[in-house]
Every structure is written in structure tokens, then in C-alpha cells.
Amino acid sequence: KSTVALARTRFGLTEGDGPAMTFLPF
């Protein structure tokens, strides 16, 4: 969560509409 928050704060990144994503849990 903090990695997502830092990226948004630093560069204004948003999830948006992108390619299909398949997540691999830790």
C-alpha cells in the first residue's frame, strides 16, 4: 500500500484503463 501511495505522490500515477493484469501474490 505504501509503495502505491509513494508512486502516486511522486508521479501522480493512477490505475486507469490498461492491459489485462494477472497478479502473483507473495
PDB file of all heavy atoms in Angstrom:
ATOM      1  N   LYS A   1       0.831  -1.207   0.000  1.00  0.00           N
ATOM      2  CA  LYS A   1       0.000   0.000   0.000  1.00  0.00           C
ATOM      3  C   LYS A   1       0.869   1.261   0.000  1.00  0.00           C
ATOM      4  O   LYS A   1       0.539   2.242  -0.683  1.00  0.00           O
ATOM      5  CB  LYS A   1      -0.913  -0.008   1.224  1.00  0.00           C
ATOM      6  CG  LYS A   1      -2.019  -1.051   1.161  1.00  0.00           C
ATOM      7  CD  LYS A   1      -2.897  -0.979   2.406  1.00  0.00           C
ATOM      8  CE  LYS A   1      -4.043  -1.976   2.335  1.00  0.00           C
ATOM      9  NZ  LYS A   1      -4.895  -1.941   3.536  1.00  0.00           N
ATOM     10  N   SER A   2       1.940   1.237   0.777  1.00  0.00           N
ATOM     11  CA  SER A   2       2.790   2.427   0.841  1.00  0.00           C
ATOM     12  C   SER A   2       3.551   2.639  -0.468  1.00  0.00           C
ATOM     13  O   SER A   2       3.844   3.782  -0.843  1.00  0.00           O
ATOM     14  CB  SER A   2       3.766   2.318   2.010  1.00  0.00           C
ATOM     15  OG  SER A   2       4.660   1.233   1.832  1.00  0.00           O
ATOM     16  N   THR A   3       3.883   1.551  -1.183  1.00  0.00           N
ATOM     17  CA  THR A   3       4.540   1.689  -2.493  1.00  0.00           C
ATOM     18  C   THR A   3       3.608   2.369  -3.483  1.00  0.00           C
ATOM     19  O   THR A   3       4.012   3.280  -4.230  1.00  0.00           O
ATOM     20  CB  THR A   3       4.962   0.311  -3.026  1.00  0.00           C
ATOM     21  OG1 THR A   3       5.896  -0.274  -2.120  1.00  0.00           O
ATOM     22  CG2 THR A   3       5.611   0.428  -4.397  1.00  0.00           C
ATOM     23  N   VAL A   4       2.347   1.941  -3.503  1.00  0.00           N
ATOM     24  CA  VAL A   4       1.345   2.579  -4.375  1.00  0.00           C
ATOM     25  C   VAL A   4       1.188   4.049  -3.998  1.00  0.00           C
ATOM     26  O   VAL A   4       1.153   4.933  -4.868  1.00  0.00           O
ATOM     27  CB  VAL A   4      -0.005   1.836  -4.263  1.00  0.00           C
ATOM     28  CG1 VAL A   4      -1.105   2.613  -4.979  1.00  0.00           C
ATOM     29  CG2 VAL A   4       0.108   0.425  -4.839  1.00  0.00           C
ATOM     30  N   ALA A   5       1.110   4.331  -2.693  1.00  0.00           N
ATOM     31  CA  ALA A   5       0.925   5.713  -2.246  1.00  0.00           C
ATOM     32  C   ALA A   5       2.118   6.581  -2.626  1.00  0.00           C
ATOM     33  O   ALA A   5       1.948   7.737  -3.052  1.00  0.00           O
ATOM     34  CB  ALA A   5       0.710   5.738  -0.735  1.00  0.00           C
ATOM     35  N   LEU A   6       3.334   6.042  -2.483  1.00  0.00           N
ATOM     36  CA  LEU A   6       4.532   6.819  -2.821  1.00  0.00           C
ATOM     37  C   LEU A   6       4.585   7.115  -4.315  1.00  0.00           C
ATOM     38  O   LEU A   6       4.919   8.241  -4.724  1.00  0.00           O
ATOM     39  CB  LEU A   6       5.785   6.057  -2.385  1.00  0.00           C
ATOM     40  CG  LEU A   6       7.131   6.755  -2.660  1.00  0.00           C
ATOM     41  CD1 LEU A   6       7.211   8.076  -1.906  1.00  0.00           C
ATOM     42  CD2 LEU A   6       8.296   5.835  -2.279  1.00  0.00           C
ATOM     43  N   ALA A   7       4.246   6.144  -5.155  1.00  0.00           N
ATOM     44  CA  ALA A   7       4.252   6.353  -6.603  1.00  0.00           C
ATOM     45  C   ALA A   7       3.216   7.398  -7.004  1.00  0.00           C
ATOM     46  O   ALA A   7       3.459   8.230  -7.888  1.00  0.00           O
ATOM     47  CB  ALA A   7       3.990   5.034  -7.317  1.00  0.00           C
ATOM     48  N   ARG A   8       2.069   7.362  -6.382  1.00  0.00           N
ATOM     49  CA  ARG A   8       1.034   8.353  -6.682  1.00  0.00           C
ATOM     50  C   ARG A   8       1.484   9.744  -6.246  1.00  0.00           C
ATOM     51  O   ARG A   8       1.262  10.733  -6.954  1.00  0.00           O
ATOM     52  CB  ARG A   8      -0.265   7.964  -5.975  1.00  0.00           C
ATOM     53  CG  ARG A   8      -1.024   6.844  -6.675  1.00  0.00           C
ATOM     54  CD  ARG A   8      -2.244   6.422  -5.885  1.00  0.00           C
ATOM     55  NE  ARG A   8      -3.053   5.464  -6.641  1.00  0.00           N
ATOM     56  CZ  ARG A   8      -3.943   4.654  -6.112  1.00  0.00           C
ATOM     57  NH1 ARG A   8      -4.132   4.664  -4.786  1.00  0.00           N
ATOM     58  NH2 ARG A   8      -4.644   3.829  -6.872  1.00  0.00           N
ATOM     59  N   THR A   9       2.110   9.820  -5.084  1.00  0.00           N
ATOM     60  CA  THR A   9       2.558  11.119  -4.577  1.00  0.00           C
ATOM     61  C   THR A   9       3.677  11.703  -5.438  1.00  0.00           C
ATOM     62  O   THR A   9       3.680  12.896  -5.760  1.00  0.00           O
ATOM     63  CB  THR A   9       3.040  10.974  -3.120  1.00  0.00           C
ATOM     64  OG1 THR A   9       1.973  10.459  -2.315  1.00  0.00           O
ATOM     65  CG2 THR A   9       3.484  12.311  -2.561  1.00  0.00           C
ATOM     66  N   ARG A  10       4.633  10.855  -5.814  1.00  0.00           N
ATOM     67  CA  ARG A  10       5.802  11.332  -6.563  1.00  0.00           C
ATOM     68  C   ARG A  10       5.480  11.670  -8.013  1.00  0.00           C
ATOM     69  O   ARG A  10       5.953  12.669  -8.548  1.00  0.00           O
ATOM     70  CB  ARG A  10       6.912  10.281  -6.526  1.00  0.00           C
ATOM     71  CG  ARG A  10       7.545  10.056  -5.165  1.00  0.00           C
ATOM     72  CD  ARG A  10       8.619  11.086  -4.833  1.00  0.00           C
ATOM     73  NE  ARG A  10       9.789  10.922  -5.670  1.00  0.00           N
ATOM     74  CZ  ARG A  10      10.263  11.844  -6.517  1.00  0.00           C
ATOM     75  NH1 ARG A  10       9.656  13.010  -6.632  1.00  0.00           N
ATOM     76  NH2 ARG A  10      11.348  11.616  -7.234  1.00  0.00           N
ATOM     77  N   PHE A  11       4.643  10.831  -8.652  1.00  0.00           N
ATOM     78  CA  PHE A  11       4.450  10.992 -10.102  1.00  0.00           C
ATOM     79  C   PHE A  11       2.979  11.045 -10.527  1.00  0.00           C
ATOM     80  O   PHE A  11       2.689  11.079 -11.727  1.00  0.00           O
ATOM     81  CB  PHE A  11       5.144   9.837 -10.861  1.00  0.00           C
ATOM     82  CG  PHE A  11       6.623   9.774 -10.611  1.00  0.00           C
ATOM     83  CD1 PHE A  11       7.172   8.833  -9.754  1.00  0.00           C
ATOM     84  CD2 PHE A  11       7.481  10.685 -11.232  1.00  0.00           C
ATOM     85  CE1 PHE A  11       8.538   8.773  -9.521  1.00  0.00           C
ATOM     86  CE2 PHE A  11       8.852  10.633 -11.006  1.00  0.00           C
ATOM     87  CZ  PHE A  11       9.382   9.675 -10.144  1.00  0.00           C
ATOM     88  N   GLY A  12       2.073  11.058  -9.580  1.00  0.00           N
ATOM     89  CA  GLY A  12       0.658  11.163  -9.924  1.00  0.00           C
ATOM     90  C   GLY A  12       0.128   9.964 -10.682  1.00  0.00           C
ATOM     91  O   GLY A  12      -0.815  10.109 -11.492  1.00  0.00           O
ATOM     92  N   LEU A  13       0.682   8.788 -10.472  1.00  0.00           N
ATOM     93  CA  LEU A  13       0.249   7.597 -11.201  1.00  0.00           C
ATOM     94  C   LEU A  13      -1.136   7.163 -10.748  1.00  0.00           C
ATOM     95  O   LEU A  13      -1.489   7.256  -9.574  1.00  0.00           O
ATOM     96  CB  LEU A  13       1.237   6.453 -10.982  1.00  0.00           C
ATOM     97  CG  LEU A  13       2.683   6.690 -11.445  1.00  0.00           C
ATOM     98  CD1 LEU A  13       3.535   5.468 -11.145  1.00  0.00           C
ATOM     99  CD2 LEU A  13       2.724   7.023 -12.935  1.00  0.00           C
ATOM    100  N   THR A  14      -1.938   6.703 -11.720  1.00  0.00           N
ATOM    101  CA  THR A  14      -3.264   6.171 -11.432  1.00  0.00           C
ATOM    102  C   THR A  14      -3.427   4.841 -12.140  1.00  0.00           C
ATOM    103  O   THR A  14      -2.743   4.554 -13.132  1.00  0.00           O
ATOM    104  CB  THR A  14      -4.369   7.130 -11.897  1.00  0.00           C
ATOM    105  OG1 THR A  14      -4.231   7.367 -13.301  1.00  0.00           O
ATOM    106  CG2 THR A  14      -4.302   8.454 -11.160  1.00  0.00           C
ATOM    107  N   GLU A  15      -4.364   4.031 -11.672  1.00  0.00           N
ATOM    108  CA  GLU A  15      -4.543   2.703 -12.246  1.00  0.00           C
ATOM    109  C   GLU A  15      -5.068   2.788 -13.671  1.00  0.00           C
ATOM    110  O   GLU A  15      -4.530   2.183 -14.586  1.00  0.00           O
ATOM    111  CB  GLU A  15      -5.493   1.889 -11.367  1.00  0.00           C
ATOM    112  CG  GLU A  15      -5.637   0.452 -11.808  1.00  0.00           C
ATOM    113  CD  GLU A  15      -6.439  -0.349 -10.799  1.00  0.00           C
ATOM    114  OE1 GLU A  15      -6.770   0.189  -9.736  1.00  0.00           O
ATOM    115  OE2 GLU A  15      -6.741  -1.512 -11.093  1.00  0.00           O
ATOM    116  N   GLY A  16      -6.127   3.579 -13.884  1.00  0.00           N
ATOM    117  CA  GLY A  16      -6.656   3.829 -15.232  1.00  0.00           C
ATOM    118  C   GLY A  16      -7.067   2.554 -15.954  1.00  0.00           C
ATOM    119  O   GLY A  16      -7.214   1.483 -15.369  1.00  0.00           O
ATOM    120  N   ASP A  17      -7.273   2.681 -17.254  1.00  0.00           N
ATOM    121  CA  ASP A  17      -7.613   1.540 -18.097  1.00  0.00           C
ATOM    122  C   ASP A  17      -6.362   1.084 -18.812  1.00  0.00           C
ATOM    123  O   ASP A  17      -5.846   1.747 -19.708  1.00  0.00           O
ATOM    124  CB  ASP A  17      -8.690   1.932 -19.127  1.00  0.00           C
ATOM    125  CG  ASP A  17     -10.007   2.289 -18.458  1.00  0.00           C
ATOM    126  OD1 ASP A  17     -10.311   1.667 -17.423  1.00  0.00           O
ATOM    127  OD2 ASP A  17     -10.708   3.190 -18.953  1.00  0.00           O
ATOM    128  N   GLY A  18      -5.849  -0.021 -18.435  1.00  0.00           N
ATOM    129  CA  GLY A  18      -4.632  -0.545 -19.049  1.00  0.00           C
ATOM    130  C   GLY A  18      -4.834  -1.961 -19.512  1.00  0.00           C
ATOM    131  O   GLY A  18      -5.966  -2.465 -19.596  1.00  0.00           O
ATOM    132  N   PRO A  19      -3.763  -2.633 -19.832  1.00  0.00           N
ATOM    133  CA  PRO A  19      -3.859  -4.022 -20.274  1.00  0.00           C
ATOM    134  C   PRO A  19      -4.345  -4.927 -19.152  1.00  0.00           C
ATOM    135  O   PRO A  19      -4.313  -4.569 -17.974  1.00  0.00           O
ATOM    136  CB  PRO A  19      -2.410  -4.345 -20.660  1.00  0.00           C
ATOM    137  CG  PRO A  19      -1.579  -3.410 -19.840  1.00  0.00           C
ATOM    138  CD  PRO A  19      -2.374  -2.156 -19.742  1.00  0.00           C
ATOM    139  N   ALA A  20      -4.822  -6.101 -19.535  1.00  0.00           N
ATOM    140  CA  ALA A  20      -5.262  -7.080 -18.548  1.00  0.00           C
ATOM    141  C   ALA A  20      -4.085  -7.454 -17.657  1.00  0.00           C
ATOM    142  O   ALA A  20      -2.966  -7.647 -18.130  1.00  0.00           O
ATOM    143  CB  ALA A  20      -5.826  -8.309 -19.247  1.00  0.00           C
ATOM    144  N   MET A  21      -4.368  -7.556 -16.376  1.00  0.00           N
ATOM    145  CA  MET A  21      -3.297  -7.828 -15.411  1.00  0.00           C
ATOM    146  C   MET A  21      -3.609  -9.090 -14.618  1.00  0.00           C
ATOM    147  O   MET A  21      -4.746  -9.278 -14.164  1.00  0.00           O
ATOM    148  CB  MET A  21      -3.127  -6.632 -14.460  1.00  0.00           C
ATOM    149  CG  MET A  21      -2.612  -5.369 -15.133  1.00  0.00           C
ATOM    150  SD  MET A  21      -2.304  -4.005 -13.962  1.00  0.00           S
ATOM    151  CE  MET A  21      -3.977  -3.501 -13.595  1.00  0.00           C
ATOM    152  N   THR A  22      -2.613  -9.898 -14.440  1.00  0.00           N
ATOM    153  CA  THR A  22      -2.720 -11.088 -13.603  1.00  0.00           C
ATOM    154  C   THR A  22      -1.712 -10.950 -12.467  1.00  0.00           C
ATOM    155  O   THR A  22      -0.503 -10.900 -12.702  1.00  0.00           O
ATOM    156  CB  THR A  22      -2.414 -12.365 -14.400  1.00  0.00           C
ATOM    157  OG1 THR A  22      -3.313 -12.444 -15.512  1.00  0.00           O
ATOM    158  CG2 THR A  22      -2.571 -13.597 -13.522  1.00  0.00           C
ATOM    159  N   PHE A  23      -2.231 -10.874 -11.263  1.00  0.00           N
ATOM    160  CA  PHE A  23      -1.356 -10.608 -10.110  1.00  0.00           C
ATOM    161  C   PHE A  23      -0.859 -11.910  -9.504  1.00  0.00           C
ATOM    162  O   PHE A  23      -1.583 -12.904  -9.412  1.00  0.00           O
ATOM    163  CB  PHE A  23      -2.104  -9.794  -9.054  1.00  0.00           C
ATOM    164  CG  PHE A  23      -2.429  -8.404  -9.490  1.00  0.00           C
ATOM    165  CD1 PHE A  23      -3.700  -8.089  -9.965  1.00  0.00           C
ATOM    166  CD2 PHE A  23      -1.469  -7.406  -9.449  1.00  0.00           C
ATOM    167  CE1 PHE A  23      -4.000  -6.799 -10.375  1.00  0.00           C
ATOM    168  CE2 PHE A  23      -1.767  -6.122  -9.861  1.00  0.00           C
ATOM    169  CZ  PHE A  23      -3.037  -5.823 -10.331  1.00  0.00           C
ATOM    170  N   LEU A  24       0.387 -11.877  -9.080  1.00  0.00           N
ATOM    171  CA  LEU A  24       1.004 -13.008  -8.398  1.00  0.00           C
ATOM    172  C   LEU A  24       1.232 -12.620  -6.942  1.00  0.00           C
ATOM    173  O   LEU A  24       2.035 -11.720  -6.656  1.00  0.00           O
ATOM    174  CB  LEU A  24       2.352 -13.375  -9.044  1.00  0.00           C
ATOM    175  CG  LEU A  24       2.303 -14.194 -10.330  1.00  0.00           C
ATOM    176  CD1 LEU A  24       1.858 -13.305 -11.503  1.00  0.00           C
ATOM    177  CD2 LEU A  24       3.666 -14.801 -10.619  1.00  0.00           C
ATOM    178  N   PRO A  25       0.509 -13.239  -6.011  1.00  0.00           N
ATOM    179  CA  PRO A  25       0.688 -12.878  -4.599  1.00  0.00           C
ATOM    180  C   PRO A  25       2.053 -13.304  -4.099  1.00  0.00           C
ATOM    181  O   PRO A  25       2.705 -14.182  -4.677  1.00  0.00           O
ATOM    182  CB  PRO A  25      -0.431 -13.654  -3.894  1.00  0.00           C
ATOM    183  CG  PRO A  25      -0.721 -14.805  -4.793  1.00  0.00           C
ATOM    184  CD  PRO A  25      -0.500 -14.301  -6.199  1.00  0.00           C
ATOM    185  N   PHE A  26       2.460 -12.676  -2.998  1.00  0.00           N
ATOM    186  CA  PHE A  26       3.756 -13.017  -2.416  1.00  0.00           C
ATOM    187  C   PHE A  26       3.758 -14.460  -1.947  1.00  0.00           C
ATOM    188  O   PHE A  26       2.771 -14.957  -1.387  1.00  0.00           O
ATOM    189  CB  PHE A  26       4.070 -12.096  -1.232  1.00  0.00           C
ATOM    190  CG  PHE A  26       5.341 -12.449  -0.516  1.00  0.00           C
ATOM    191  CD1 PHE A  26       6.571 -12.026  -1.006  1.00  0.00           C
ATOM    192  CD2 PHE A  26       5.310 -13.226   0.642  1.00  0.00           C
ATOM    193  CE1 PHE A  26       7.750 -12.365  -0.348  1.00  0.00           C
ATOM    194  CE2 PHE A  26       6.476 -13.561   1.300  1.00  0.00           C
ATOM    195  CZ  PHE A  26       7.702 -13.127   0.797  1.00  0.00           C
TER     196      PHE A  26
END
